[in-house]
Amino acid sequence: MLDQLVERGHTAVVIEHDLDVVRRADWVVDLGPGAGRHGGRVLYEGPVARLEGTATARALRA
């Protein structure tokens, strides 16, 4: 469904932890470094292929 929206020219903004969905993203905003009061900082913003140095990057490459 997300692919169909994008193919029709729409923008889809998704808050997601499923790594398969993250891998397919055009643009990632990675927040952290932890959850709750230990997070909330932008650690990375950009294409998923350039994501490095965060827990999300490590999980994607595992």
C-alpha atoms as a PDB file:
ATOM      1  CA  MET A   1       0.000   0.000   0.000  1.00  0.00           C
ATOM      2  CA  LEU A   2       2.835   2.435   0.805  1.00  0.00           C
ATOM      3  CA  ASP A   3       4.477   1.728  -2.553  1.00  0.00           C
ATOM      4  CA  GLN A   4       1.193   2.468  -4.347  1.00  0.00           C
ATOM      5  CA  LEU A   5       0.839   5.813  -2.571  1.00  0.00           C
ATOM      6  CA  VAL A   6       4.373   6.848  -3.508  1.00  0.00           C
ATOM      7  CA  GLU A   7       3.947   5.651  -7.105  1.00  0.00           C
ATOM      8  CA  ARG A   8       0.931   7.966  -7.359  1.00  0.00           C
ATOM      9  CA  GLY A   9       3.044  10.930  -6.242  1.00  0.00           C
ATOM     10  CA  HIS A  10       2.048  11.018  -2.574  1.00  0.00           C
ATOM     11  CA  THR A  11       4.377  11.361   0.389  1.00  0.00           C
ATOM     12  CA  ALA A  12       4.182   8.699   3.093  1.00  0.00           C
ATOM     13  CA  VAL A  13       5.562   9.440   6.552  1.00  0.00           C
ATOM     14  CA  VAL A  14       5.850   6.334   8.713  1.00  0.00           C
ATOM     15  CA  ILE A  15       7.063   5.858  12.263  1.00  0.00           C
ATOM     16  CA  GLU A  16       8.420   2.353  12.101  1.00  0.00           C
ATOM     17  CA  HIS A  17      10.739  -0.115  13.803  1.00  0.00           C
ATOM     18  CA  ASP A  18      10.284  -2.952  11.302  1.00  0.00           C
ATOM     19  CA  LEU A  19      13.673  -3.175   9.585  1.00  0.00           C
ATOM     20  CA  ASP A  20      12.171  -4.395   6.294  1.00  0.00           C
ATOM     21  CA  VAL A  21      10.129  -1.188   6.077  1.00  0.00           C
ATOM     22  CA  VAL A  22      13.127   0.967   7.061  1.00  0.00           C
ATOM     23  CA  ARG A  23      15.294  -0.682   4.368  1.00  0.00           C
ATOM     24  CA  ARG A  24      12.802   0.365   1.678  1.00  0.00           C
ATOM     25  CA  ALA A  25      12.588   3.988   2.803  1.00  0.00           C
ATOM     26  CA  ASP A  26      13.792   6.806   0.576  1.00  0.00           C
ATOM     27  CA  TRP A  27      14.641   8.976   3.584  1.00  0.00           C
ATOM     28  CA  VAL A  28      15.276   8.087   7.233  1.00  0.00           C
ATOM     29  CA  VAL A  29      15.178  10.226  10.356  1.00  0.00           C
ATOM     30  CA  ASP A  30      16.840   8.199  13.119  1.00  0.00           C
ATOM     31  CA  LEU A  31      16.077   9.423  16.640  1.00  0.00           C
ATOM     32  CA  GLY A  32      17.851   8.364  19.808  1.00  0.00           C
ATOM     33  CA  PRO A  33      20.174   7.414  21.248  1.00  0.00           C
ATOM     34  CA  GLY A  34      17.706   5.646  23.559  1.00  0.00           C
ATOM     35  CA  ALA A  35      14.022   5.621  24.334  1.00  0.00           C
ATOM     36  CA  GLY A  36      11.940   8.083  26.349  1.00  0.00           C
ATOM     37  CA  ARG A  37      13.957  10.708  28.194  1.00  0.00           C
ATOM     38  CA  HIS A  38      17.166   9.120  26.859  1.00  0.00           C
ATOM     39  CA  GLY A  39      16.227   9.807  23.261  1.00  0.00           C
ATOM     40  CA  GLY A  40      14.659  12.416  21.094  1.00  0.00           C
ATOM     41  CA  ARG A  41      17.764  13.733  19.366  1.00  0.00           C
ATOM     42  CA  VAL A  42      18.131  13.475  15.612  1.00  0.00           C
ATOM     43  CA  LEU A  43      21.052  11.095  15.112  1.00  0.00           C
ATOM     44  CA  TYR A  44      20.786  10.867  11.343  1.00  0.00           C
ATOM     45  CA  GLU A  45      18.688  12.264   8.527  1.00  0.00           C
ATOM     46  CA  GLY A  46      19.130  11.136   4.954  1.00  0.00           C
ATOM     47  CA  PRO A  47      19.109   8.153   2.605  1.00  0.00           C
ATOM     48  CA  VAL A  48      19.038   4.755   4.301  1.00  0.00           C
ATOM     49  CA  ALA A  49      22.146   3.666   2.338  1.00  0.00           C
ATOM     50  CA  ARG A  50      24.258   6.297   4.139  1.00  0.00           C
ATOM     51  CA  LEU A  51      22.980   5.537   7.635  1.00  0.00           C
ATOM     52  CA  GLU A  52      25.864   4.591   9.916  1.00  0.00           C
ATOM     53  CA  GLY A  53      27.001   4.822  13.508  1.00  0.00           C
ATOM     54  CA  THR A  54      23.605   4.259  15.160  1.00  0.00           C
ATOM     55  CA  ALA A  55      21.815   1.268  16.644  1.00  0.00           C
ATOM     56  CA  THR A  56      19.468   1.327  13.662  1.00  0.00           C
ATOM     57  CA  ALA A  57      22.406   1.191  11.244  1.00  0.00           C
ATOM     58  CA  ARG A  58      23.890  -1.769  13.106  1.00  0.00           C
ATOM     59  CA  ALA A  59      20.546  -3.594  13.092  1.00  0.00           C
ATOM     60  CA  LEU A  60      20.088  -3.017   9.360  1.00  0.00           C
ATOM     61  CA  ARG A  61      23.490  -4.467   8.589  1.00  0.00           C
ATOM     62  CA  ALA A  62      23.141  -7.493  10.902  1.00  0.00           C
END
